[in-house]
Amino acid sequence: MNATDGYRAKAWECLSLAENMNDPERRADILRFARMWLSLTEPIGDLPLRLPYELPPQPLPARR
């Protein structure tokens, strides 16, 4: 099983759990997890040059 198939399996597992939940807030949370797992199976597209969690490059200290 490759990673994509594993992500889809997790999404289906979340959908199955959500189907049997009575609490609407918990169901919404589980459906968000399912959406998150499915989003991992989609192509990323054009990535920005720098991801949001990366720090900008720091200048190197001057050599003496």
PDB file of N, CA and C in Angstrom:
ATOM      1  N   MET A   1       0.842  -1.175   0.000  1.00  0.00           N
ATOM      2  CA  MET A   1       0.000   0.000   0.000  1.00  0.00           C
ATOM      3  C   MET A   1       0.890   1.240   0.000  1.00  0.00           C
ATOM      4  N   ASN A   2       0.648   2.135  -0.952  1.00  0.00           N
ATOM      5  CA  ASN A   2       1.428   3.377  -0.964  1.00  0.00           C
ATOM      6  C   ASN A   2       0.782   4.407  -0.034  1.00  0.00           C
ATOM      7  N   ALA A   3       1.432   5.535   0.128  1.00  0.00           N
ATOM      8  CA  ALA A   3       0.961   6.554   1.077  1.00  0.00           C
ATOM      9  C   ALA A   3      -0.425   7.080   0.692  1.00  0.00           C
ATOM     10  N   THR A   4      -0.658   7.285  -0.591  1.00  0.00           N
ATOM     11  CA  THR A   4      -1.953   7.805  -1.033  1.00  0.00           C
ATOM     12  C   THR A   4      -3.088   6.870  -0.643  1.00  0.00           C
ATOM     13  N   ASP A   5      -2.881   5.591  -0.846  1.00  0.00           N
ATOM     14  CA  ASP A   5      -3.919   4.623  -0.463  1.00  0.00           C
ATOM     15  C   ASP A   5      -4.146   4.628   1.051  1.00  0.00           C
ATOM     16  N   GLY A   6      -3.085   4.771   1.801  1.00  0.00           N
ATOM     17  CA  GLY A   6      -3.207   4.838   3.254  1.00  0.00           C
ATOM     18  C   GLY A   6      -3.981   6.069   3.698  1.00  0.00           C
ATOM     19  N   TYR A   7      -3.734   7.214   3.055  1.00  0.00           N
ATOM     20  CA  TYR A   7      -4.452   8.442   3.381  1.00  0.00           C
ATOM     21  C   TYR A   7      -5.939   8.286   3.060  1.00  0.00           C
ATOM     22  N   ARG A   8      -6.229   7.687   1.914  1.00  0.00           N
ATOM     23  CA  ARG A   8      -7.639   7.468   1.554  1.00  0.00           C
ATOM     24  C   ARG A   8      -8.317   6.523   2.541  1.00  0.00           C
ATOM     25  N   ALA A   9      -7.598   5.497   2.976  1.00  0.00           N
ATOM     26  CA  ALA A   9      -8.163   4.556   3.949  1.00  0.00           C
ATOM     27  C   ALA A   9      -8.475   5.273   5.259  1.00  0.00           C
ATOM     28  N   LYS A  10      -7.579   6.150   5.704  1.00  0.00           N
ATOM     29  CA  LYS A  10      -7.832   6.914   6.932  1.00  0.00           C
ATOM     30  C   LYS A  10      -9.045   7.827   6.757  1.00  0.00           C
ATOM     31  N   ALA A  11      -9.179   8.442   5.578  1.00  0.00           N
ATOM     32  CA  ALA A  11     -10.326   9.315   5.323  1.00  0.00           C
ATOM     33  C   ALA A  11     -11.626   8.522   5.390  1.00  0.00           C
ATOM     34  N   TRP A  12     -11.650   7.342   4.768  1.00  0.00           N
ATOM     35  CA  TRP A  12     -12.855   6.505   4.812  1.00  0.00           C
ATOM     36  C   TRP A  12     -13.153   6.043   6.232  1.00  0.00           C
ATOM     37  N   GLU A  13     -12.115   5.782   7.002  1.00  0.00           N
ATOM     38  CA  GLU A  13     -12.298   5.396   8.400  1.00  0.00           C
ATOM     39  C   GLU A  13     -12.960   6.541   9.185  1.00  0.00           C
ATOM     40  N   CYS A  14     -12.499   7.757   8.942  1.00  0.00           N
ATOM     41  CA  CYS A  14     -13.096   8.917   9.607  1.00  0.00           C
ATOM     42  C   CYS A  14     -14.554   9.096   9.180  1.00  0.00           C
ATOM     43  N   LEU A  15     -14.828   8.914   7.892  1.00  0.00           N
ATOM     44  CA  LEU A  15     -16.207   9.049   7.418  1.00  0.00           C
ATOM     45  C   LEU A  15     -17.116   8.010   8.052  1.00  0.00           C
ATOM     46  N   SER A  16     -16.615   6.807   8.200  1.00  0.00           N
ATOM     47  CA  SER A  16     -17.406   5.753   8.840  1.00  0.00           C
ATOM     48  C   SER A  16     -17.691   6.090  10.300  1.00  0.00           C
ATOM     49  N   LEU A  17     -16.685   6.618  10.992  1.00  0.00           N
ATOM     50  CA  LEU A  17     -16.887   7.013  12.385  1.00  0.00           C
ATOM     51  C   LEU A  17     -17.915   8.145  12.488  1.00  0.00           C
ATOM     52  N   ALA A  18     -17.797   9.128  11.613  1.00  0.00           N
ATOM     53  CA  ALA A  18     -18.696  10.282  11.655  1.00  0.00           C
ATOM     54  C   ALA A  18     -20.137   9.867  11.388  1.00  0.00           C
ATOM     55  N   GLU A  19     -20.319   8.866  10.559  1.00  0.00           N
ATOM     56  CA  GLU A  19     -21.663   8.410  10.209  1.00  0.00           C
ATOM     57  C   GLU A  19     -22.439   7.910  11.430  1.00  0.00           C
ATOM     58  N   ASN A  20     -21.706   7.378  12.415  1.00  0.00           N
ATOM     59  CA  ASN A  20     -22.347   6.788  13.586  1.00  0.00           C
ATOM     60  C   ASN A  20     -22.346   7.693  14.812  1.00  0.00           C
ATOM     61  N   MET A  21     -21.893   8.930  14.680  1.00  0.00           N
ATOM     62  CA  MET A  21     -21.812   9.834  15.838  1.00  0.00           C
ATOM     63  C   MET A  21     -23.103  10.631  15.985  1.00  0.00           C
ATOM     64  N   ASN A  22     -23.495  10.840  17.228  1.00  0.00           N
ATOM     65  CA  ASN A  22     -24.685  11.633  17.512  1.00  0.00           C
ATOM     66  C   ASN A  22     -24.352  13.080  17.845  1.00  0.00           C
ATOM     67  N   ASP A  23     -23.164  13.332  18.348  1.00  0.00           N
ATOM     68  CA  ASP A  23     -22.761  14.682  18.728  1.00  0.00           C
ATOM     69  C   ASP A  23     -22.330  15.451  17.478  1.00  0.00           C
ATOM     70  N   PRO A  24     -23.049  16.520  17.111  1.00  0.00           N
ATOM     71  CA  PRO A  24     -22.718  17.249  15.883  1.00  0.00           C
ATOM     72  C   PRO A  24     -21.322  17.878  15.888  1.00  0.00           C
ATOM     73  N   GLU A  25     -20.852  18.317  17.064  1.00  0.00           N
ATOM     74  CA  GLU A  25     -19.517  18.914  17.121  1.00  0.00           C
ATOM     75  C   GLU A  25     -18.430  17.884  16.874  1.00  0.00           C
ATOM     76  N   ARG A  26     -18.585  16.718  17.489  1.00  0.00           N
ATOM     77  CA  ARG A  26     -17.591  15.653  17.259  1.00  0.00           C
ATOM     78  C   ARG A  26     -17.651  15.176  15.813  1.00  0.00           C
ATOM     79  N   ARG A  27     -18.867  15.076  15.259  1.00  0.00           N
ATOM     80  CA  ARG A  27     -19.011  14.661  13.861  1.00  0.00           C
ATOM     81  C   ARG A  27     -18.296  15.654  12.951  1.00  0.00           C
ATOM     82  N   ALA A  28     -18.474  16.950  13.210  1.00  0.00           N
ATOM     83  CA  ALA A  28     -17.809  17.970  12.391  1.00  0.00           C
ATOM     84  C   ALA A  28     -16.295  17.846  12.501  1.00  0.00           C
ATOM     85  N   ASP A  29     -15.792  17.579  13.711  1.00  0.00           N
ATOM     86  CA  ASP A  29     -14.348  17.401  13.886  1.00  0.00           C
ATOM     87  C   ASP A  29     -13.836  16.216  13.076  1.00  0.00           C
ATOM     88  N   ILE A  30     -14.543  15.103  13.154  1.00  0.00           N
ATOM     89  CA  ILE A  30     -14.112  13.903  12.428  1.00  0.00           C
ATOM     90  C   ILE A  30     -14.198  14.132  10.919  1.00  0.00           C
ATOM     91  N   LEU A  31     -15.206  14.861  10.473  1.00  0.00           N
ATOM     92  CA  LEU A  31     -15.306  15.164   9.042  1.00  0.00           C
ATOM     93  C   LEU A  31     -14.165  16.078   8.591  1.00  0.00           C
ATOM     94  N   ARG A  32     -13.730  16.974   9.468  1.00  0.00           N
ATOM     95  CA  ARG A  32     -12.555  17.798   9.139  1.00  0.00           C
ATOM     96  C   ARG A  32     -11.315  16.935   8.989  1.00  0.00           C
ATOM     97  N   PHE A  33     -11.186  15.936   9.878  1.00  0.00           N
ATOM     98  CA  PHE A  33     -10.045  15.022   9.752  1.00  0.00           C
ATOM     99  C   PHE A  33     -10.117  14.247   8.431  1.00  0.00           C
ATOM    100  N   ALA A  34     -11.302  13.809   8.070  1.00  0.00           N
ATOM    101  CA  ALA A  34     -11.457  13.084   6.795  1.00  0.00           C
ATOM    102  C   ALA A  34     -11.042  13.974   5.635  1.00  0.00           C
ATOM    103  N   ARG A  35     -11.477  15.229   5.665  1.00  0.00           N
ATOM    104  CA  ARG A  35     -11.114  16.172   4.602  1.00  0.00           C
ATOM    105  C   ARG A  35      -9.604  16.385   4.565  1.00  0.00           C
ATOM    106  N   MET A  36      -8.992  16.465   5.751  1.00  0.00           N
ATOM    107  CA  MET A  36      -7.546  16.646   5.824  1.00  0.00           C
ATOM    108  C   MET A  36      -6.820  15.449   5.204  1.00  0.00           C
ATOM    109  N   TRP A  37      -7.241  14.220   5.559  1.00  0.00           N
ATOM    110  CA  TRP A  37      -6.609  13.025   4.987  1.00  0.00           C
ATOM    111  C   TRP A  37      -6.771  13.003   3.476  1.00  0.00           C
ATOM    112  N   LEU A  38      -7.966  13.348   2.980  1.00  0.00           N
ATOM    113  CA  LEU A  38      -8.171  13.348   1.528  1.00  0.00           C
ATOM    114  C   LEU A  38      -7.337  14.428   0.845  1.00  0.00           C
ATOM    115  N   SER A  39      -7.143  15.552   1.513  1.00  0.00           N
ATOM    116  CA  SER A  39      -6.349  16.615   0.893  1.00  0.00           C
ATOM    117  C   SER A  39      -4.908  16.169   0.677  1.00  0.00           C
ATOM    118  N   LEU A  40      -4.435  15.234   1.489  1.00  0.00           N
ATOM    119  CA  LEU A  40      -3.068  14.730   1.322  1.00  0.00           C
ATOM    120  C   LEU A  40      -2.911  13.878   0.066  1.00  0.00           C
ATOM    121  N   THR A  41      -4.024  13.461  -0.527  1.00  0.00           N
ATOM    122  CA  THR A  41      -3.946  12.637  -1.740  1.00  0.00           C
ATOM    123  C   THR A  41      -3.940  13.482  -3.005  1.00  0.00           C
ATOM    124  N   GLU A  42      -4.201  14.786  -2.868  1.00  0.00           N
ATOM    125  CA  GLU A  42      -4.291  15.652  -4.037  1.00  0.00           C
ATOM    126  C   GLU A  42      -2.931  16.247  -4.372  1.00  0.00           C
ATOM    127  N   PRO A  43      -2.691  16.510  -5.662  1.00  0.00           N
ATOM    128  CA  PRO A  43      -1.422  17.144  -6.032  1.00  0.00           C
ATOM    129  C   PRO A  43      -1.319  18.534  -5.420  1.00  0.00           C
ATOM    130  N   ILE A  44      -0.118  18.945  -5.101  1.00  0.00           N
ATOM    131  CA  ILE A  44       0.109  20.210  -4.418  1.00  0.00           C
ATOM    132  C   ILE A  44       0.009  21.392  -5.379  1.00  0.00           C
ATOM    133  N   GLY A  45       0.457  21.235  -6.583  1.00  0.00           N
ATOM    134  CA  GLY A  45       0.451  22.361  -7.512  1.00  0.00           C
ATOM    135  C   GLY A  45       1.706  23.190  -7.352  1.00  0.00           C
ATOM    136  N   ASP A  46       1.600  24.449  -7.676  1.00  0.00           N
ATOM    137  CA  ASP A  46       2.762  25.343  -7.579  1.00  0.00           C
ATOM    138  C   ASP A  46       3.011  25.710  -6.121  1.00  0.00           C
ATOM    139  N   LEU A  47       4.187  25.399  -5.658  1.00  0.00           N
ATOM    140  CA  LEU A  47       4.577  25.760  -4.297  1.00  0.00           C
ATOM    141  C   LEU A  47       5.237  27.130  -4.306  1.00  0.00           C
ATOM    142  N   PRO A  48       4.993  27.918  -3.273  1.00  0.00           N
ATOM    143  CA  PRO A  48       5.735  29.185  -3.192  1.00  0.00           C
ATOM    144  C   PRO A  48       7.216  28.888  -2.951  1.00  0.00           C
ATOM    145  N   LEU A  49       8.039  29.855  -3.205  1.00  0.00           N
ATOM    146  CA  LEU A  49       9.465  29.650  -3.010  1.00  0.00           C
ATOM    147  C   LEU A  49       9.790  29.360  -1.554  1.00  0.00           C
ATOM    148  N   ARG A  50       9.013  29.903  -0.640  1.00  0.00           N
ATOM    149  CA  ARG A  50       9.253  29.709   0.785  1.00  0.00           C
ATOM    150  C   ARG A  50       7.939  29.310   1.442  1.00  0.00           C
ATOM    151  N   LEU A  51       7.980  28.258   2.226  1.00  0.00           N
ATOM    152  CA  LEU A  51       6.790  27.818   2.936  1.00  0.00           C
ATOM    153  C   LEU A  51       6.561  28.703   4.156  1.00  0.00           C
ATOM    154  N   PRO A  52       5.330  28.812   4.636  1.00  0.00           N
ATOM    155  CA  PRO A  52       5.029  29.767   5.693  1.00  0.00           C
ATOM    156  C   PRO A  52       5.773  29.537   7.008  1.00  0.00           C
ATOM    157  N   TYR A  53       6.149  28.310   7.303  1.00  0.00           N
ATOM    158  CA  TYR A  53       6.801  28.052   8.579  1.00  0.00           C
ATOM    159  C   TYR A  53       8.316  28.200   8.507  1.00  0.00           C
ATOM    160  N   GLU A  54       8.862  28.460   7.338  1.00  0.00           N
ATOM    161  CA  GLU A  54      10.299  28.610   7.207  1.00  0.00           C
ATOM    162  C   GLU A  54      10.713  30.038   7.564  1.00  0.00           C
ATOM    163  N   LEU A  55      11.833  30.150   8.204  1.00  0.00           N
ATOM    164  CA  LEU A  55      12.370  31.459   8.537  1.00  0.00           C
ATOM    165  C   LEU A  55      13.121  32.018   7.338  1.00  0.00           C
ATOM    166  N   PRO A  56      13.129  33.345   7.184  1.00  0.00           N
ATOM    167  CA  PRO A  56      13.892  33.917   6.074  1.00  0.00           C
ATOM    168  C   PRO A  56      15.378  33.656   6.290  1.00  0.00           C
ATOM    169  N   PRO A  57      16.143  33.592   5.207  1.00  0.00           N
ATOM    170  CA  PRO A  57      17.574  33.345   5.363  1.00  0.00           C
ATOM    171  C   PRO A  57      18.245  34.471   6.139  1.00  0.00           C
ATOM    172  N   GLN A  58      19.169  34.134   6.972  1.00  0.00           N
ATOM    173  CA  GLN A  58      19.906  35.099   7.767  1.00  0.00           C
ATOM    174  C   GLN A  58      21.246  35.371   7.098  1.00  0.00           C
ATOM    175  N   PRO A  59      21.669  36.623   7.103  1.00  0.00           N
ATOM    176  CA  PRO A  59      22.991  36.918   6.518  1.00  0.00           C
ATOM    177  C   PRO A  59      24.090  36.256   7.343  1.00  0.00           C
ATOM    178  N   LEU A  60      25.110  35.821   6.650  1.00  0.00           N
ATOM    179  CA  LEU A  60      26.237  35.210   7.334  1.00  0.00           C
ATOM    180  C   LEU A  60      27.041  36.282   8.068  1.00  0.00           C
ATOM    181  N   PRO A  61      27.599  35.945   9.227  1.00  0.00           N
ATOM    182  CA  PRO A  61      28.415  36.944   9.948  1.00  0.00           C
ATOM    183  C   PRO A  61      29.654  37.297   9.114  1.00  0.00           C
ATOM    184  N   ALA A  62      30.065  38.555   9.255  1.00  0.00           N
ATOM    185  CA  ALA A  62      31.239  39.019   8.499  1.00  0.00           C
ATOM    186  C   ALA A  62      32.482  38.310   9.024  1.00  0.00           C
ATOM    187  N   ARG A  63      33.341  37.898   8.089  1.00  0.00           N
ATOM    188  CA  ARG A  63      34.603  37.264   8.479  1.00  0.00           C
ATOM    189  C   ARG A  63      35.650  38.314   8.723  1.00  0.00           C
ATOM    190  N   ARG A  64      36.498  38.068   9.678  1.00  0.00           N
ATOM    191  CA  ARG A  64      37.567  39.031   9.991  1.00  0.00           C
ATOM    192  C   ARG A  64      38.879  38.538   9.525  1.00  0.00           C
TER     193      ARG A  64
END
